[in-house]
Amino acid sequence: MGFACSIVAGMMCIQAPIAGVTTLSIDDGGIWVNQSAVFTSKMGPNKTWRVSTGRSMEWAPPRIDAAQLAKACVGGACISYWRNCEPQQDATRCSFTVDEGGGVARTFTLEASDHVAFNDAIANAGVLVGGTAIPFLAFKQEAPSTQVPYLKPQGPQPQGF
């Protein structure tokens, strides 16, 4: 189930032919760092998928209750996660919130033009954990609710939003 990363942006790992990349952007302007990539699926030119993540550089990162997370492992490397797909039976959009370590949460969003492209995406995008790539395909357990189990924020937080 493991795969090799051909594109790495922080924890985000993507195995895809570089020629299939429609856009790859890392926007580190302002207080947000956003990473996203859009691909044309190997299944056809009208089948596209996108994986993205982001993080505020001004506010404390969100923390997650690791005791409520499922675990995905590949080759001895494991990561705790919360998976939420919409709609669940014919998913074309999922979010995966992972524990980066120490309870720090990072959310990845995977979106596809249709179910065929989504299957390509979930097999070819994932996270890098200690040098091992874990595809989102290994994140099999759907969360019991859509509410990610965040802990009370620590540090400065935005006001008025």
N, C-alpha and C. Protein backbone atom coordinates (compact mmCIF):
# COMPACT_ATOMS: atom_id res chain seq x y z
N MET A 1 0.82 -1.19 0.00
CA MET A 1 0.00 0.00 0.00
C MET A 1 0.86 1.26 0.00
N GLY A 2 2.14 1.14 0.35
CA GLY A 2 3.00 2.31 0.38
C GLY A 2 3.26 2.83 -1.03
N PHE A 3 3.75 4.02 -1.11
CA PHE A 3 4.09 4.62 -2.39
C PHE A 3 5.25 5.58 -2.19
N ALA A 4 5.83 6.02 -3.27
CA ALA A 4 6.96 6.94 -3.19
C ALA A 4 6.49 8.35 -3.50
N CYS A 5 6.99 9.32 -2.76
CA CYS A 5 6.61 10.71 -2.99
C CYS A 5 7.37 11.26 -4.19
N SER A 6 6.67 11.88 -5.11
CA SER A 6 7.34 12.61 -6.17
C SER A 6 7.25 14.11 -5.91
N ILE A 7 6.31 14.52 -5.06
CA ILE A 7 6.19 15.91 -4.63
C ILE A 7 6.00 15.90 -3.11
N VAL A 8 6.82 16.68 -2.42
CA VAL A 8 6.70 16.80 -0.97
C VAL A 8 6.59 18.27 -0.63
N ALA A 9 5.58 18.62 0.18
CA ALA A 9 5.41 19.99 0.67
C ALA A 9 5.05 19.87 2.14
N GLY A 10 6.05 20.01 3.00
CA GLY A 10 5.83 19.79 4.43
C GLY A 10 5.54 18.32 4.66
N MET A 11 4.41 18.02 5.26
CA MET A 11 3.97 16.64 5.47
C MET A 11 3.26 16.06 4.26
N MET A 12 2.81 16.92 3.35
CA MET A 12 2.03 16.47 2.20
C MET A 12 2.92 15.71 1.23
N CYS A 13 2.49 14.51 0.87
CA CYS A 13 3.24 13.64 -0.02
C CYS A 13 2.35 13.25 -1.18
N ILE A 14 2.85 13.42 -2.40
CA ILE A 14 2.05 13.11 -3.58
C ILE A 14 2.88 12.27 -4.53
N GLN A 15 2.30 11.17 -4.97
CA GLN A 15 2.92 10.34 -6.00
C GLN A 15 2.13 10.58 -7.26
N ALA A 16 2.71 11.28 -8.17
CA ALA A 16 2.01 11.59 -9.41
C ALA A 16 3.04 11.94 -10.46
N PRO A 17 2.74 11.62 -11.70
CA PRO A 17 3.67 12.05 -12.74
C PRO A 17 3.67 13.58 -12.78
N ILE A 18 4.85 14.16 -12.77
CA ILE A 18 4.95 15.62 -12.76
C ILE A 18 4.20 16.22 -13.95
N ALA A 19 4.18 15.51 -15.08
CA ALA A 19 3.45 16.01 -16.25
C ALA A 19 1.95 16.10 -15.98
N GLY A 20 1.45 15.38 -14.97
CA GLY A 20 0.03 15.42 -14.66
C GLY A 20 -0.37 16.58 -13.79
N VAL A 21 0.60 17.35 -13.31
CA VAL A 21 0.29 18.47 -12.44
C VAL A 21 -0.28 19.61 -13.25
N THR A 22 -1.50 20.04 -12.91
CA THR A 22 -2.09 21.20 -13.53
C THR A 22 -1.55 22.45 -12.86
N THR A 23 -1.58 22.47 -11.53
CA THR A 23 -0.99 23.57 -10.77
C THR A 23 -0.44 23.02 -9.47
N LEU A 24 0.63 23.60 -9.02
CA LEU A 24 1.19 23.30 -7.72
C LEU A 24 1.53 24.65 -7.12
N SER A 25 0.97 24.95 -5.96
CA SER A 25 1.25 26.25 -5.37
C SER A 25 1.51 26.13 -3.88
N ILE A 26 2.48 26.91 -3.44
CA ILE A 26 2.75 27.07 -2.02
C ILE A 26 2.75 28.57 -1.78
N ASP A 27 1.71 29.04 -1.11
CA ASP A 27 1.54 30.47 -0.86
C ASP A 27 1.91 30.73 0.59
N ASP A 28 3.05 31.38 0.79
CA ASP A 28 3.46 31.66 2.16
C ASP A 28 3.37 33.15 2.47
N GLY A 29 2.50 33.85 1.76
CA GLY A 29 2.31 35.28 2.01
C GLY A 29 1.34 35.50 3.17
N GLY A 30 1.53 36.56 3.89
CA GLY A 30 0.62 36.89 4.97
C GLY A 30 0.75 35.95 6.15
N ILE A 31 -0.34 35.74 6.85
CA ILE A 31 -0.29 34.92 8.05
C ILE A 31 -0.63 33.46 7.79
N TRP A 32 -1.02 33.13 6.56
CA TRP A 32 -1.36 31.75 6.22
C TRP A 32 -0.32 31.16 5.29
N VAL A 33 0.00 29.90 5.48
CA VAL A 33 0.81 29.14 4.53
C VAL A 33 -0.13 28.10 3.94
N ASN A 34 -0.40 28.21 2.65
CA ASN A 34 -1.29 27.28 1.97
C ASN A 34 -0.49 26.46 0.98
N GLN A 35 -0.77 25.17 0.94
CA GLN A 35 -0.13 24.27 -0.01
C GLN A 35 -1.23 23.54 -0.75
N SER A 36 -1.18 23.53 -2.07
CA SER A 36 -2.18 22.79 -2.82
C SER A 36 -1.60 22.34 -4.15
N ALA A 37 -2.16 21.27 -4.67
CA ALA A 37 -1.76 20.75 -5.97
C ALA A 37 -3.01 20.26 -6.68
N VAL A 38 -3.12 20.53 -7.97
CA VAL A 38 -4.24 20.06 -8.79
C VAL A 38 -3.64 19.16 -9.86
N PHE A 39 -4.23 17.98 -10.05
CA PHE A 39 -3.71 17.00 -10.99
C PHE A 39 -4.77 16.59 -11.99
N THR A 40 -4.30 16.23 -13.19
CA THR A 40 -5.14 15.55 -14.14
C THR A 40 -4.92 14.07 -13.87
N SER A 41 -5.99 13.36 -13.58
CA SER A 41 -5.90 11.95 -13.25
C SER A 41 -5.36 11.13 -14.41
N LYS A 42 -4.71 10.04 -14.09
CA LYS A 42 -4.24 9.11 -15.10
C LYS A 42 -5.42 8.46 -15.81
N MET A 43 -6.61 8.61 -15.27
CA MET A 43 -7.80 7.98 -15.82
C MET A 43 -8.42 8.78 -16.98
N GLY A 44 -7.96 10.00 -17.22
CA GLY A 44 -8.51 10.77 -18.33
C GLY A 44 -8.36 12.26 -18.13
N PRO A 45 -8.42 13.04 -19.22
CA PRO A 45 -8.18 14.48 -19.16
C PRO A 45 -9.23 15.29 -18.40
N ASN A 46 -10.47 14.81 -18.33
CA ASN A 46 -11.51 15.55 -17.62
C ASN A 46 -11.66 15.09 -16.18
N LYS A 47 -10.74 14.29 -15.72
CA LYS A 47 -10.78 13.75 -14.37
C LYS A 47 -9.65 14.40 -13.58
N THR A 48 -10.01 15.34 -12.73
CA THR A 48 -9.00 16.06 -11.96
C THR A 48 -9.20 15.86 -10.48
N TRP A 49 -8.11 16.06 -9.72
CA TRP A 49 -8.21 16.02 -8.27
C TRP A 49 -7.26 17.03 -7.68
N ARG A 50 -7.57 17.41 -6.44
CA ARG A 50 -6.80 18.44 -5.75
C ARG A 50 -6.59 18.00 -4.30
N VAL A 51 -5.41 18.24 -3.79
CA VAL A 51 -5.12 18.03 -2.39
C VAL A 51 -4.57 19.35 -1.84
N SER A 52 -5.01 19.74 -0.65
CA SER A 52 -4.57 21.01 -0.09
C SER A 52 -4.50 20.93 1.43
N THR A 53 -3.69 21.83 1.98
CA THR A 53 -3.57 22.00 3.42
C THR A 53 -3.13 23.43 3.68
N GLY A 54 -3.25 23.89 4.89
CA GLY A 54 -2.84 25.25 5.22
C GLY A 54 -2.63 25.39 6.71
N ARG A 55 -1.96 26.46 7.09
CA ARG A 55 -1.68 26.68 8.50
C ARG A 55 -1.48 28.17 8.74
N SER A 56 -2.07 28.67 9.81
CA SER A 56 -1.84 30.05 10.21
C SER A 56 -0.48 30.14 10.88
N MET A 57 0.28 31.13 10.51
CA MET A 57 1.59 31.32 11.13
C MET A 57 1.53 32.33 12.28
N GLU A 58 0.34 32.91 12.50
CA GLU A 58 0.20 33.91 13.56
C GLU A 58 -0.43 33.31 14.81
N TRP A 59 -1.39 32.40 14.63
CA TRP A 59 -2.11 31.84 15.76
C TRP A 59 -1.54 30.48 16.13
N ALA A 60 -1.75 30.09 17.35
CA ALA A 60 -1.30 28.77 17.81
C ALA A 60 -2.00 27.70 16.98
N PRO A 61 -1.27 26.65 16.58
CA PRO A 61 -1.92 25.60 15.79
C PRO A 61 -2.99 24.89 16.59
N PRO A 62 -4.04 24.42 15.93
CA PRO A 62 -5.08 23.69 16.65
C PRO A 62 -4.52 22.39 17.21
N ARG A 63 -5.10 21.97 18.32
CA ARG A 63 -4.68 20.72 18.95
C ARG A 63 -5.86 19.76 18.92
N ILE A 64 -5.56 18.48 18.90
CA ILE A 64 -6.57 17.46 18.71
C ILE A 64 -6.46 16.41 19.82
N ASP A 65 -7.60 15.83 20.17
CA ASP A 65 -7.64 14.79 21.21
C ASP A 65 -7.25 13.46 20.58
N ALA A 66 -6.00 13.07 20.73
CA ALA A 66 -5.46 11.87 20.09
C ALA A 66 -6.20 10.60 20.52
N ALA A 67 -6.79 10.59 21.70
CA ALA A 67 -7.50 9.40 22.18
C ALA A 67 -8.73 9.08 21.34
N GLN A 68 -9.24 10.05 20.58
CA GLN A 68 -10.44 9.84 19.77
C GLN A 68 -10.13 9.56 18.29
N LEU A 69 -8.86 9.38 17.97
CA LEU A 69 -8.46 9.21 16.58
C LEU A 69 -8.24 7.76 16.21
N ALA A 70 -8.41 7.45 14.93
CA ALA A 70 -8.07 6.14 14.38
C ALA A 70 -6.58 6.16 14.04
N LYS A 71 -6.02 5.03 13.66
CA LYS A 71 -4.59 4.97 13.35
C LYS A 71 -4.40 4.26 12.01
N ALA A 72 -3.51 4.81 11.18
CA ALA A 72 -3.12 4.20 9.91
C ALA A 72 -1.62 3.91 9.99
N CYS A 73 -1.23 2.72 9.55
CA CYS A 73 0.18 2.33 9.59
C CYS A 73 0.60 1.73 8.25
N VAL A 74 1.82 2.05 7.85
CA VAL A 74 2.44 1.47 6.66
C VAL A 74 3.91 1.28 6.97
N GLY A 75 4.41 0.08 6.77
CA GLY A 75 5.83 -0.19 6.95
C GLY A 75 6.37 0.18 8.32
N GLY A 76 5.58 0.04 9.35
CA GLY A 76 6.02 0.37 10.71
C GLY A 76 5.83 1.82 11.10
N ALA A 77 5.50 2.70 10.15
CA ALA A 77 5.22 4.11 10.46
C ALA A 77 3.71 4.25 10.64
N CYS A 78 3.31 4.97 11.67
CA CYS A 78 1.88 5.15 11.95
C CYS A 78 1.55 6.62 12.16
N ILE A 79 0.29 6.95 11.91
CA ILE A 79 -0.21 8.30 12.17
C ILE A 79 -1.66 8.19 12.63
N SER A 80 -2.02 9.03 13.59
CA SER A 80 -3.40 9.09 14.08
C SER A 80 -4.16 10.09 13.24
N TYR A 81 -5.44 9.79 12.95
CA TYR A 81 -6.20 10.64 12.04
C TYR A 81 -7.69 10.62 12.35
N TRP A 82 -8.40 11.61 11.76
CA TRP A 82 -9.85 11.76 11.79
C TRP A 82 -10.27 11.92 10.33
N ARG A 83 -11.09 11.02 9.82
CA ARG A 83 -11.50 11.04 8.41
C ARG A 83 -12.97 11.41 8.31
N ASN A 84 -13.28 12.36 7.41
CA ASN A 84 -14.65 12.76 7.17
C ASN A 84 -14.84 12.93 5.67
N CYS A 85 -15.66 12.07 5.07
CA CYS A 85 -15.92 12.13 3.63
C CYS A 85 -17.37 12.52 3.36
N GLU A 86 -17.59 13.28 2.28
CA GLU A 86 -18.92 13.74 1.90
C GLU A 86 -19.13 13.49 0.42
N PRO A 87 -20.17 12.89 -0.05
CA PRO A 87 -21.01 11.97 0.71
C PRO A 87 -20.27 10.67 0.93
N GLN A 88 -20.61 9.96 1.95
CA GLN A 88 -19.83 8.80 2.34
C GLN A 88 -19.87 7.66 1.33
N GLN A 89 -20.99 7.44 0.65
CA GLN A 89 -21.08 6.29 -0.25
C GLN A 89 -20.41 6.49 -1.60
N ASP A 90 -20.34 7.70 -2.10
CA ASP A 90 -19.71 7.96 -3.39
C ASP A 90 -18.83 9.20 -3.24
N ALA A 91 -17.83 9.08 -2.39
CA ALA A 91 -17.02 10.22 -1.99
C ALA A 91 -16.29 10.87 -3.17
N THR A 92 -16.35 12.17 -3.22
CA THR A 92 -15.51 12.96 -4.12
C THR A 92 -14.79 14.05 -3.34
N ARG A 93 -15.04 14.11 -2.01
CA ARG A 93 -14.38 15.09 -1.15
C ARG A 93 -14.23 14.49 0.25
N CYS A 94 -13.01 14.52 0.74
CA CYS A 94 -12.74 14.05 2.11
C CYS A 94 -11.78 15.02 2.78
N SER A 95 -11.92 15.11 4.08
CA SER A 95 -10.91 15.83 4.86
C SER A 95 -10.31 14.84 5.84
N PHE A 96 -9.02 14.98 6.03
CA PHE A 96 -8.27 14.12 6.94
C PHE A 96 -7.52 15.03 7.90
N THR A 97 -7.85 14.96 9.18
CA THR A 97 -7.14 15.74 10.18
C THR A 97 -6.21 14.77 10.89
N VAL A 98 -4.91 15.08 10.85
CA VAL A 98 -3.91 14.18 11.42
C VAL A 98 -3.23 14.82 12.62
N ASP A 99 -2.70 13.97 13.46
CA ASP A 99 -1.89 14.42 14.60
C ASP A 99 -0.45 14.48 14.10
N GLU A 100 0.06 15.69 13.90
CA GLU A 100 1.44 15.88 13.42
C GLU A 100 2.47 15.45 14.46
N GLY A 101 2.03 15.32 15.68
CA GLY A 101 2.91 15.00 16.79
C GLY A 101 2.58 15.91 17.96
N GLY A 102 2.52 15.35 19.14
CA GLY A 102 2.22 16.16 20.31
C GLY A 102 0.81 16.72 20.31
N GLY A 103 -0.10 16.14 19.54
CA GLY A 103 -1.48 16.60 19.50
C GLY A 103 -1.73 17.78 18.58
N VAL A 104 -0.72 18.22 17.82
CA VAL A 104 -0.90 19.33 16.89
C VAL A 104 -1.63 18.81 15.65
N ALA A 105 -2.74 19.44 15.32
CA ALA A 105 -3.59 18.98 14.22
C ALA A 105 -3.25 19.68 12.91
N ARG A 106 -3.34 18.93 11.82
CA ARG A 106 -3.23 19.49 10.47
C ARG A 106 -4.29 18.80 9.63
N THR A 107 -5.06 19.59 8.88
CA THR A 107 -6.12 19.05 8.04
C THR A 107 -5.72 19.12 6.58
N PHE A 108 -5.96 18.03 5.88
CA PHE A 108 -5.76 17.93 4.44
C PHE A 108 -7.14 17.74 3.81
N THR A 109 -7.37 18.39 2.69
CA THR A 109 -8.63 18.24 1.97
C THR A 109 -8.32 17.66 0.60
N LEU A 110 -9.05 16.62 0.25
CA LEU A 110 -8.90 15.94 -1.03
C LEU A 110 -10.22 16.08 -1.77
N GLU A 111 -10.19 16.64 -2.99
CA GLU A 111 -11.39 16.85 -3.78
C GLU A 111 -11.15 16.31 -5.19
N ALA A 112 -12.18 15.74 -5.80
CA ALA A 112 -12.03 15.19 -7.14
C ALA A 112 -13.26 15.51 -7.99
N SER A 113 -13.06 15.48 -9.31
CA SER A 113 -14.15 15.79 -10.23
C SER A 113 -15.21 14.70 -10.24
N ASP A 114 -14.83 13.47 -9.95
CA ASP A 114 -15.78 12.36 -9.88
C ASP A 114 -15.16 11.22 -9.07
N HIS A 115 -15.92 10.14 -8.93
CA HIS A 115 -15.48 9.01 -8.10
C HIS A 115 -14.22 8.34 -8.66
N VAL A 116 -14.09 8.25 -9.96
CA VAL A 116 -12.91 7.63 -10.58
C VAL A 116 -11.66 8.44 -10.24
N ALA A 117 -11.73 9.75 -10.41
CA ALA A 117 -10.60 10.62 -10.08
C ALA A 117 -10.31 10.58 -8.58
N PHE A 118 -11.36 10.49 -7.76
CA PHE A 118 -11.15 10.42 -6.32
C PHE A 118 -10.36 9.16 -5.94
N ASN A 119 -10.69 8.03 -6.54
CA ASN A 119 -9.95 6.80 -6.26
C ASN A 119 -8.49 6.93 -6.64
N ASP A 120 -8.21 7.63 -7.74
CA ASP A 120 -6.82 7.90 -8.15
C ASP A 120 -6.14 8.77 -7.09
N ALA A 121 -6.85 9.79 -6.63
CA ALA A 121 -6.29 10.73 -5.65
C ALA A 121 -5.98 10.06 -4.31
N ILE A 122 -6.92 9.30 -3.80
CA ILE A 122 -6.76 8.72 -2.47
C ILE A 122 -5.61 7.70 -2.44
N ALA A 123 -5.29 7.13 -3.61
CA ALA A 123 -4.19 6.18 -3.70
C ALA A 123 -2.85 6.87 -3.93
N ASN A 124 -2.87 8.13 -4.40
CA ASN A 124 -1.63 8.81 -4.80
C ASN A 124 -1.31 10.06 -4.00
N ALA A 125 -2.06 10.32 -2.94
CA ALA A 125 -1.77 11.46 -2.06
C ALA A 125 -1.80 10.93 -0.63
N GLY A 126 -1.02 11.54 0.22
CA GLY A 126 -0.98 11.12 1.61
C GLY A 126 -0.06 12.00 2.42
N VAL A 127 0.46 11.42 3.50
CA VAL A 127 1.34 12.17 4.39
C VAL A 127 2.68 11.45 4.53
N LEU A 128 3.70 12.22 4.85
CA LEU A 128 5.03 11.69 5.07
C LEU A 128 5.27 11.64 6.57
N VAL A 129 5.56 10.45 7.08
CA VAL A 129 5.78 10.25 8.51
C VAL A 129 7.14 9.59 8.71
N GLY A 130 8.08 10.35 9.25
CA GLY A 130 9.40 9.79 9.50
C GLY A 130 10.05 9.15 8.29
N GLY A 131 9.87 9.73 7.13
CA GLY A 131 10.46 9.20 5.90
C GLY A 131 9.62 8.15 5.20
N THR A 132 8.48 7.76 5.78
CA THR A 132 7.59 6.77 5.16
C THR A 132 6.33 7.48 4.66
N ALA A 133 5.98 7.20 3.42
CA ALA A 133 4.77 7.77 2.83
C ALA A 133 3.57 6.89 3.19
N ILE A 134 2.54 7.52 3.74
CA ILE A 134 1.30 6.81 4.06
C ILE A 134 0.18 7.42 3.22
N PRO A 135 -0.36 6.65 2.24
CA PRO A 135 -1.41 7.21 1.38
C PRO A 135 -2.72 7.35 2.15
N PHE A 136 -3.55 8.28 1.72
CA PHE A 136 -4.86 8.46 2.35
C PHE A 136 -5.72 7.20 2.21
N LEU A 137 -5.39 6.33 1.26
CA LEU A 137 -6.08 5.06 1.11
C LEU A 137 -5.98 4.21 2.38
N ALA A 138 -4.90 4.39 3.15
CA ALA A 138 -4.73 3.64 4.40
C ALA A 138 -5.60 4.19 5.52
N PHE A 139 -6.18 5.38 5.33
CA PHE A 139 -7.04 6.01 6.34
C PHE A 139 -8.46 5.49 6.10
N LYS A 140 -8.74 4.27 6.50
CA LYS A 140 -9.98 3.59 6.14
C LYS A 140 -11.17 3.90 7.03
N GLN A 141 -10.93 4.22 8.28
CA GLN A 141 -12.04 4.36 9.24
C GLN A 141 -12.67 5.74 9.17
N GLU A 142 -13.95 5.76 8.83
CA GLU A 142 -14.70 7.02 8.81
C GLU A 142 -14.96 7.46 10.25
N ALA A 143 -14.83 8.74 10.52
CA ALA A 143 -15.05 9.27 11.86
C ALA A 143 -16.52 9.09 12.26
N PRO A 144 -16.77 8.97 13.57
CA PRO A 144 -18.15 8.79 14.03
C PRO A 144 -19.02 10.04 13.89
N SER A 145 -18.39 11.20 13.68
CA SER A 145 -19.15 12.44 13.48
C SER A 145 -18.32 13.38 12.61
N THR A 146 -18.94 14.48 12.20
CA THR A 146 -18.22 15.47 11.39
C THR A 146 -17.43 16.45 12.25
N GLN A 147 -17.61 16.37 13.56
CA GLN A 147 -16.93 17.29 14.48
C GLN A 147 -15.57 16.74 14.89
N VAL A 148 -14.50 17.33 14.36
CA VAL A 148 -13.15 16.91 14.71
C VAL A 148 -12.94 17.19 16.20
N PRO A 149 -12.36 16.24 16.94
CA PRO A 149 -12.22 16.41 18.39
C PRO A 149 -11.05 17.34 18.77
N TYR A 150 -11.24 18.62 18.46
CA TYR A 150 -10.22 19.61 18.82
C TYR A 150 -10.24 19.84 20.33
N LEU A 151 -9.08 20.13 20.87
CA LEU A 151 -8.97 20.51 22.27
C LEU A 151 -9.11 22.02 22.37
N LYS A 152 -9.28 22.54 23.59
CA LYS A 152 -9.38 23.98 23.81
C LYS A 152 -8.11 24.66 23.26
N PRO A 153 -8.27 25.71 22.45
CA PRO A 153 -7.11 26.38 21.87
C PRO A 153 -6.14 26.91 22.95
N GLN A 154 -4.86 26.86 22.62
CA GLN A 154 -3.82 27.41 23.48
C GLN A 154 -3.16 28.56 22.72
N GLY A 155 -2.72 29.53 23.42
CA GLY A 155 -2.03 30.66 22.79
C GLY A 155 -3.00 31.67 22.20
N PRO A 156 -2.47 32.69 21.50
CA PRO A 156 -3.32 33.75 20.96
C PRO A 156 -4.21 33.20 19.84
N GLN A 157 -5.46 33.67 19.80
CA GLN A 157 -6.42 33.23 18.82
C GLN A 157 -7.05 34.46 18.16
N PRO A 158 -7.59 34.28 16.95
CA PRO A 158 -8.21 35.41 16.25
C PRO A 158 -9.43 35.88 17.00
N GLN A 159 -9.70 37.16 16.92
CA GLN A 159 -10.87 37.75 17.57
C GLN A 159 -11.82 38.27 16.50
N GLY A 160 -13.11 38.17 16.76
CA GLY A 160 -14.12 38.77 15.89
C GLY A 160 -14.44 37.99 14.64
N PHE A 161 -14.11 36.72 14.58
CA PHE A 161 -14.44 35.91 13.39
C PHE A 161 -15.63 35.06 13.66
